[in-house]
Amino acid sequence: MNDINWNDYALETQAIRAGHKRTHEDEHSMPIFATSSYVFNSAEEAALRFTGQKPGNIYSRFTNPTVSAFQERLALMEQGERCLAFASGMAAIMAVGMGLLKAGDHVVCSRGVFGNTVLMFQNYFGKFGVTTDFVDLTDMAAWEAAIKPNTCLLFLETPSNPLTEIADIAELADLAHRHGCLLVVDNCFCTPALQKPLLLGADIIVHSATKYIDGQGRCVGGAVVASDAIIEKQIYPYLRTGGATMSPFNAWVFLSGLETLALRMKAHCDNAVALAQWLQQQPGVVKVHYPGLPSHAQHELAKRQQSHFGGIVSFELAGGKEQAWQLIDATEMLSITANLGDVKTTITHPASTTHGRLTPETRAAAGIKDGLVRLSVGLENLEDIKKDLSKGLPQR
């Protein structure tokens, strides 16, 4: 089993089998290597491992067999050369910035990213002399106009959070490479089950494994997938020094999550498209944001770029914040939480939660209105989800 070339197998098989190096105990399930350090056979072997001249584990801040199994499996599923795991999705984004950026560099980022991602670029990378301009995700002219001689990275989420806008990854990759930049894609909403940005020309993928990769809201973690050269020379040194490490237990949970990822994503998508169609017919709902709807501005692009449309649906209510809060508070079954990607349907008000720390002007520029509600559509019975939402929707 340890010598199998998993590149010859489909994603569903990779997600269940790849990455596990069976030990002398002949275990069938991936074990948790709960150890902080490792024993060397000699002083010479210790020295060779520390200098990288001999492969092997050194210290669980940056080498652990359970974490390595997760990294290998996710890299295969994304069809990337190498993956590094981190303590959270934001830690993964921090690692990309710390590994690739320096004072005086410039980043172009889409407006429709997670609120903390905006703050990371503005407040923290900005503190060290990295400047960032934010542009409309779907406006190619704006992306090109924002690029400067010192631009190093283009960063985006697609679909966007929370409006589910879709970027043309191949077109942005071409733009980035023409200007000597790297394209970073947050693939959290789609996962490799629905979208493979590296095959479309992206250079780096970031993940919050907390979301769909786990799938049951149990653990926090993140990952970066890229070429071996980018990982080894620029990202791995930061992890080894900075210590934003994924724990072995969390890696073990995420490995289990990957095993059912393809099945879960299909079920999430099936529920989401049906719910989006239903929401379009409800009184008080003025707009539904979901790439699977023909009314979505990037519907055709989503059909080409993704294998399905995802599990996130957001919609705008005519009554603004008051009506949005009323609807959320009227639900009985749905979970009022800002997390997403869970088998349980979650509901949140982005303007006061995930994007609440942004200025009103920044939220307005990103199209996040006070009447916007975001659903991460779970795997409950679809009619039960509709029934729960109906409790707070205006009656005909």
Foldseek 3Di string as FASTA:
>chain_A
DQPDDCLVDDLLCLLQDFLADQDPVRDPARDQPPDFADDDPDPVRLVCCVVVVDDDTGGQLQDDSLQRSLFGSQLSLLVFATKHKFQALVVAVVLLCQQFDAAPAEEEEELQAFQVVVCCQCPPVVVRHYYYDYDHQADPVRVLVPDDLRYAEYEYEALGPAQRDGHQLLVVLVSQVVSNYAYEYADAQARSLWFRSVVSRHAKYKYFCCAQLLQANDHTMMMMGGHPCSCVRGRSVCSVPVSSGHHSVVSSSSSVSSSCSNVFFVLLQVLQVVVQVVLVPFPQWPDKRWLCDPVHPCVVVSVVGTVGTGNKMKTFGPVFQVLQVQLQVQFDQAADDPGARYLGKYKYQCCCPRNVPPDPVSCVVNVRTRRMMMIRGHNDDSVSVVVRSVRRTDDD
